[in-house]
Amino acid sequence: MESPSKRVDIVPAKRQALILEHLRVSGAASIQELADTIGGSQSTVRRDLEHLVEKGYLERTHGGAHLLQPMRATFEREMTVNAELQHAEKVAIGREAAQRLSARDSVIFDSSSTVMEVVRAAADRDLPLTVVTNSLEIADFAADIKSWRIILPGGTVRPGYRHLAGEPGESFIKTLHADLCMTGASAVTGTLLTETSLEVASLKRAMISSARKTILLVDSSKFTAPGFCTLSDISEIDEVITDEGISQDALSSLRSAERKVTVVCVGALPASGRSKL
């Protein structure tokens, strides 16, 4: 494990993700315990806790904090913090999902942080692709990949998030017939997929409907209480890729829908260390 002295200068989003991960496992923690976890000072932890409380992640306790469970139905993680949460799991899922791509595919990528990891892994494969995405982050990353054609559907940039939603992008997406859609979800509850935002859910429904095949990419923390609005049922998804932290109850629900489920081991090579259930 990395020593505290090497971790003092971590960027705030990474520190805050480490705090959230620690609290997700332990439920609650003191300021000193969290300082030991991130390798920073108590004053740094206090500032991070104030930020996380203000944004709705946590509730302060005497001398520490605990996670709000369940989160409010409309709660959305900050983009920078969300990218750091379950990061190793997202990378493993992304590497596995990238193996589903073939040369000359047309693929719709949504703006989720796990899908971003697919894009990073796919870039290493150097496949010619036609990419449609509402993510400004993905478009910026992929702009220099000469073998990819990048299409942005248009829409409005949501404040605080580097992605597009609404019109004219949603209507444009509905005119497409892509080979593949890769999408995330805010929550998976039984066989129900939900989102925290009406406009994001509406755009993702259009993406799913406009592809011959859809793969859902969700780390195991997403199997939780439903978000604010319905995205779809798992029956509209062809494959689910998740990580080994998924509970047996959640797996049983996916099996009941007779969907293909791929469970990746964190740190495993793309084509090994996984089980198909």
Protein backbone atom coordinates (compact mmCIF):
# COMPACT_ATOMS: atom_id res chain seq x y z
CA MET A 1 0.00 0.00 0.00
CA GLU A 2 1.15 3.52 -0.79
CA SER A 3 2.55 5.27 2.26
CA PRO A 4 0.76 8.36 3.64
CA SER A 5 3.76 10.55 2.84
CA LYS A 6 3.31 9.80 -0.86
CA ARG A 7 -0.40 10.54 -0.84
CA VAL A 8 -0.59 13.99 0.74
CA ASP A 9 -0.68 15.76 -2.65
CA ILE A 10 -3.54 13.79 -4.22
CA VAL A 11 -5.99 15.95 -6.14
CA PRO A 12 -9.18 16.81 -4.20
CA ALA A 13 -11.46 14.57 -6.30
CA LYS A 14 -9.24 11.57 -5.62
CA ARG A 15 -9.05 12.34 -1.90
CA GLN A 16 -12.81 12.69 -1.72
CA ALA A 17 -13.31 9.43 -3.60
CA LEU A 18 -11.00 7.67 -1.13
CA ILE A 19 -13.05 9.06 1.74
CA LEU A 20 -16.30 7.90 0.14
CA GLU A 21 -14.87 4.45 -0.57
CA HIS A 22 -13.73 4.12 3.03
CA LEU A 23 -17.15 5.16 4.33
CA ARG A 24 -18.91 2.84 1.89
CA VAL A 25 -17.06 -0.09 3.45
CA SER A 26 -17.05 1.01 7.10
CA GLY A 27 -20.27 3.03 7.25
CA ALA A 28 -18.79 5.78 9.43
CA ALA A 29 -15.35 7.02 10.43
CA SER A 30 -13.60 9.62 12.56
CA ILE A 31 -11.61 12.49 11.10
CA GLN A 32 -8.36 10.91 12.29
CA GLU A 33 -9.27 7.58 10.66
CA LEU A 34 -10.01 9.34 7.39
CA ALA A 35 -6.79 11.35 7.61
CA ASP A 36 -4.87 8.08 7.96
CA THR A 37 -6.78 6.68 4.95
CA ILE A 38 -5.95 9.51 2.56
CA GLY A 39 -2.54 10.29 4.04
CA GLY A 40 -3.41 13.94 4.70
CA SER A 41 -3.95 16.26 7.61
CA GLN A 42 -7.08 16.54 9.72
CA SER A 43 -7.65 20.05 8.36
CA THR A 44 -7.58 18.66 4.79
CA VAL A 45 -10.10 15.99 5.76
CA ARG A 46 -12.36 18.60 7.37
CA ARG A 47 -12.36 20.64 4.16
CA ASP A 48 -13.12 17.55 2.09
CA LEU A 49 -15.92 16.56 4.46
CA GLU A 50 -17.43 20.04 4.28
CA HIS A 51 -17.44 19.80 0.49
CA LEU A 52 -18.98 16.30 0.49
CA VAL A 53 -21.66 17.31 3.01
CA GLU A 54 -22.51 20.41 0.98
CA LYS A 55 -22.86 18.29 -2.20
CA GLY A 56 -25.12 15.75 -0.47
CA TYR A 57 -22.84 12.70 -0.18
CA LEU A 58 -22.43 12.68 3.60
CA GLU A 59 -23.86 13.67 6.93
CA ARG A 60 -21.51 14.93 9.62
CA THR A 61 -21.35 13.20 12.98
CA HIS A 62 -19.55 14.22 16.15
CA GLY A 63 -15.88 13.94 15.19
CA GLY A 64 -16.46 12.35 11.78
CA ALA A 65 -19.03 11.54 9.07
CA HIS A 66 -21.18 8.79 7.58
CA LEU A 67 -22.68 8.16 4.17
CA LEU A 68 -26.25 9.15 3.42
CA GLN A 69 -28.01 5.86 2.63
CA PRO A 70 -29.99 5.67 0.52
CA MET A 71 -29.00 8.73 -1.47
CA ARG A 72 -31.73 11.11 -2.56
CA ALA A 73 -33.37 9.87 -5.77
CA THR A 74 -32.21 12.92 -7.73
CA PHE A 75 -28.66 12.87 -6.31
CA GLU A 76 -25.94 13.08 -8.97
CA ARG A 77 -22.27 12.60 -8.19
CA GLU A 78 -19.90 15.30 -9.35
CA MET A 79 -18.20 14.28 -12.58
CA THR A 80 -14.65 14.49 -11.20
CA VAL A 81 -15.44 12.56 -8.02
CA ASN A 82 -17.52 9.96 -9.86
CA ALA A 83 -14.64 9.19 -12.24
CA GLU A 84 -12.45 8.27 -9.25
CA LEU A 85 -15.00 6.08 -7.45
CA GLN A 86 -14.54 2.33 -8.06
CA HIS A 87 -11.92 3.36 -10.60
CA ALA A 88 -10.16 -0.02 -10.80
CA GLU A 89 -13.52 -1.73 -11.34
CA LYS A 90 -14.41 0.69 -14.11
CA VAL A 91 -11.08 0.14 -15.86
CA ALA A 92 -11.55 -3.65 -15.74
CA ILE A 93 -15.11 -3.37 -17.06
CA GLY A 94 -13.96 -0.99 -19.79
CA ARG A 95 -11.21 -3.32 -20.96
CA GLU A 96 -13.65 -6.21 -21.18
CA ALA A 97 -16.25 -4.14 -23.03
CA ALA A 98 -13.68 -2.94 -25.56
CA GLN A 99 -13.30 -6.56 -26.69
CA ARG A 100 -16.89 -6.41 -27.98
CA LEU A 101 -15.90 -3.89 -30.66
CA SER A 102 -15.02 -4.92 -34.21
CA ALA A 103 -13.48 -3.00 -37.09
CA ARG A 104 -15.97 -0.75 -38.93
CA ASP A 105 -18.53 -0.86 -36.10
CA SER A 106 -20.80 2.11 -35.53
CA VAL A 107 -21.11 2.57 -31.78
CA ILE A 108 -23.03 4.92 -29.51
CA PHE A 109 -21.17 5.81 -26.31
CA ASP A 110 -23.05 7.55 -23.52
CA SER A 111 -21.32 9.94 -21.12
CA SER A 112 -20.83 7.64 -18.11
CA SER A 113 -17.41 7.34 -16.50
CA THR A 114 -17.28 3.57 -17.10
CA VAL A 115 -17.96 4.06 -20.81
CA MET A 116 -15.04 6.50 -20.84
CA GLU A 117 -12.83 3.58 -19.79
CA VAL A 118 -14.13 1.56 -22.77
CA VAL A 119 -13.06 4.40 -25.04
CA ARG A 120 -9.56 4.47 -23.51
CA ALA A 121 -9.21 0.70 -23.95
CA ALA A 122 -10.62 0.76 -27.48
CA ALA A 123 -8.13 3.43 -28.51
CA ASP A 124 -5.34 0.97 -27.75
CA ARG A 125 -6.87 -1.51 -30.21
CA ASP A 126 -6.69 1.01 -33.09
CA LEU A 127 -9.92 -0.17 -34.75
CA PRO A 128 -11.65 1.96 -37.38
CA LEU A 129 -14.94 3.04 -35.77
CA THR A 130 -17.80 5.44 -36.26
CA VAL A 131 -18.47 6.90 -32.83
CA VAL A 132 -21.57 8.80 -31.75
CA THR A 133 -21.40 10.31 -28.28
CA ASN A 134 -23.01 13.02 -26.18
CA SER A 135 -19.86 13.19 -24.04
CA LEU A 136 -17.59 16.19 -24.60
CA GLU A 137 -14.89 14.33 -22.66
CA ILE A 138 -15.03 11.33 -24.99
CA ALA A 139 -15.13 13.54 -28.08
CA ASP A 140 -12.10 15.51 -26.88
CA PHE A 141 -10.15 12.33 -26.07
CA ALA A 142 -11.03 10.66 -29.39
CA ALA A 143 -10.52 13.69 -31.62
CA ASP A 144 -6.91 12.74 -32.41
CA ILE A 145 -7.64 9.08 -33.20
CA LYS A 146 -7.34 9.11 -36.98
CA SER A 147 -9.18 5.83 -37.52
CA TRP A 148 -12.31 7.06 -35.70
CA ARG A 149 -15.09 9.22 -37.10
CA ILE A 150 -16.60 11.20 -34.20
CA ILE A 151 -20.18 12.49 -34.32
CA LEU A 152 -21.66 14.78 -31.66
CA PRO A 153 -25.48 14.84 -31.74
CA GLY A 154 -25.95 18.36 -30.41
CA GLY A 155 -27.94 19.54 -27.42
CA THR A 156 -27.38 21.62 -24.31
CA VAL A 157 -24.39 21.28 -21.98
CA ARG A 158 -25.67 20.44 -18.51
CA PRO A 159 -24.17 22.76 -15.87
CA GLY A 160 -21.31 21.01 -14.07
CA TYR A 161 -21.22 18.06 -16.49
CA ARG A 162 -19.27 17.72 -19.72
CA HIS A 163 -22.07 16.18 -21.75
CA LEU A 164 -24.98 17.16 -23.96
CA ALA A 165 -28.66 16.44 -23.41
CA GLY A 166 -31.97 17.44 -24.94
CA GLU A 167 -32.65 18.67 -28.47
CA PRO A 168 -31.59 18.54 -31.23
CA GLY A 169 -29.44 15.62 -30.12
CA GLU A 170 -32.23 13.34 -28.98
CA SER A 171 -34.12 13.63 -32.28
CA PHE A 172 -30.89 13.02 -34.19
CA ILE A 173 -30.10 9.89 -32.17
CA LYS A 174 -33.54 8.50 -33.03
CA THR A 175 -32.67 8.57 -36.75
CA LEU A 176 -29.67 6.25 -36.29
CA HIS A 177 -29.30 2.47 -36.69
CA ALA A 178 -26.00 1.79 -34.94
CA ASP A 179 -24.37 -1.60 -34.48
CA LEU A 180 -23.82 -1.17 -30.77
CA CYS A 181 -24.68 1.04 -27.81
CA MET A 182 -22.61 1.10 -24.62
CA THR A 183 -24.30 2.81 -21.71
CA GLY A 184 -24.25 3.10 -17.96
CA ALA A 185 -27.06 3.68 -15.45
CA SER A 186 -27.32 5.52 -12.16
CA ALA A 187 -28.84 2.48 -10.48
CA VAL A 188 -29.90 -1.10 -11.14
CA THR A 189 -32.63 -2.35 -8.82
CA GLY A 190 -33.75 -5.89 -9.58
CA THR A 191 -34.38 -5.67 -13.32
CA LEU A 192 -35.10 -1.93 -13.32
CA LEU A 193 -32.58 0.60 -14.66
CA THR A 194 -32.96 4.17 -13.43
CA GLU A 195 -31.41 7.61 -13.76
CA THR A 196 -31.40 10.70 -11.59
CA SER A 197 -32.17 13.13 -14.43
CA LEU A 198 -35.20 13.11 -16.74
CA GLU A 199 -33.31 14.53 -19.74
CA VAL A 200 -30.43 12.06 -19.36
CA ALA A 201 -32.85 9.12 -19.09
CA SER A 202 -34.71 10.26 -22.20
CA LEU A 203 -31.50 10.55 -24.24
CA LYS A 204 -30.25 7.15 -23.08
CA ARG A 205 -33.58 5.53 -24.04
CA ALA A 206 -33.12 6.96 -27.53
CA MET A 207 -29.57 5.55 -27.65
CA ILE A 208 -30.74 2.08 -26.62
CA SER A 209 -33.55 2.12 -29.20
CA SER A 210 -31.20 3.22 -31.97
CA ALA A 211 -28.73 0.33 -31.66
CA ARG A 212 -29.01 -3.30 -32.72
CA LYS A 213 -27.30 -4.37 -29.50
CA THR A 214 -26.87 -2.65 -26.13
CA ILE A 215 -24.32 -3.44 -23.43
CA LEU A 216 -24.86 -2.07 -19.94
CA LEU A 217 -21.67 -1.23 -18.05
CA VAL A 218 -22.15 -0.85 -14.30
CA ASP A 219 -19.77 -1.38 -11.40
CA SER A 220 -21.12 -3.32 -8.43
CA SER A 221 -21.91 -0.17 -6.40
CA LYS A 222 -24.68 0.67 -8.88
CA PHE A 223 -26.87 -2.23 -7.69
CA THR A 224 -28.79 -0.15 -5.20
CA ALA A 225 -32.03 1.77 -4.56
CA PRO A 226 -33.62 3.27 -7.69
CA GLY A 227 -32.90 6.75 -8.96
CA PHE A 228 -35.54 9.37 -9.73
CA CYS A 229 -36.79 8.13 -13.11
CA THR A 230 -36.98 4.91 -15.08
CA LEU A 231 -34.46 4.40 -17.86
CA SER A 232 -35.50 0.93 -19.03
CA ASP A 233 -35.93 -2.66 -17.97
CA ILE A 234 -33.03 -5.08 -18.16
CA SER A 235 -34.96 -6.97 -20.87
CA GLU A 236 -33.97 -4.17 -23.30
CA ILE A 237 -30.28 -4.86 -22.64
CA ASP A 238 -28.33 -7.62 -24.42
CA GLU A 239 -25.43 -7.94 -22.00
CA VAL A 240 -24.44 -6.62 -18.59
CA ILE A 241 -20.75 -6.25 -17.69
CA THR A 242 -19.99 -5.68 -14.02
CA ASP A 243 -17.35 -6.56 -11.44
CA GLU A 244 -16.91 -9.30 -8.86
CA GLY A 245 -18.31 -7.14 -6.06
CA ILE A 246 -21.85 -7.74 -7.28
CA SER A 247 -24.09 -9.43 -4.71
CA GLN A 248 -25.68 -12.81 -5.28
CA ASP A 249 -29.14 -11.25 -5.00
CA ALA A 250 -28.36 -8.80 -7.78
CA LEU A 251 -26.95 -11.61 -9.93
CA SER A 252 -30.07 -13.68 -9.37
CA SER A 253 -32.25 -10.81 -10.56
CA LEU A 254 -30.22 -10.48 -13.76
CA ARG A 255 -30.37 -14.24 -14.32
CA SER A 256 -34.15 -14.17 -13.94
CA ALA A 257 -34.30 -11.86 -16.95
CA GLU A 258 -32.15 -14.31 -18.94
CA ARG A 259 -29.64 -11.64 -19.89
CA LYS A 260 -25.99 -12.37 -20.58
CA VAL A 261 -23.91 -11.26 -17.58
CA THR A 262 -20.13 -10.97 -17.61
CA VAL A 263 -18.39 -10.52 -14.27
CA VAL A 264 -14.82 -9.24 -14.45
CA CYS A 265 -12.10 -9.66 -11.86
CA VAL A 266 -10.47 -6.35 -11.04
CA GLY A 267 -7.00 -6.25 -12.53
CA ALA A 268 -7.66 -9.23 -14.81
CA LEU A 269 -6.61 -9.22 -18.44
CA PRO A 270 -9.42 -8.36 -20.88
CA ALA A 271 -10.05 -11.91 -22.03
CA SER A 272 -9.29 -13.80 -18.83
CA GLY A 273 -10.18 -13.97 -15.17
CA ARG A 274 -13.91 -13.59 -15.74
CA SER A 275 -16.98 -15.74 -15.53
CA LYS A 276 -20.08 -15.61 -17.73
CA LEU A 277 -23.25 -16.34 -15.84
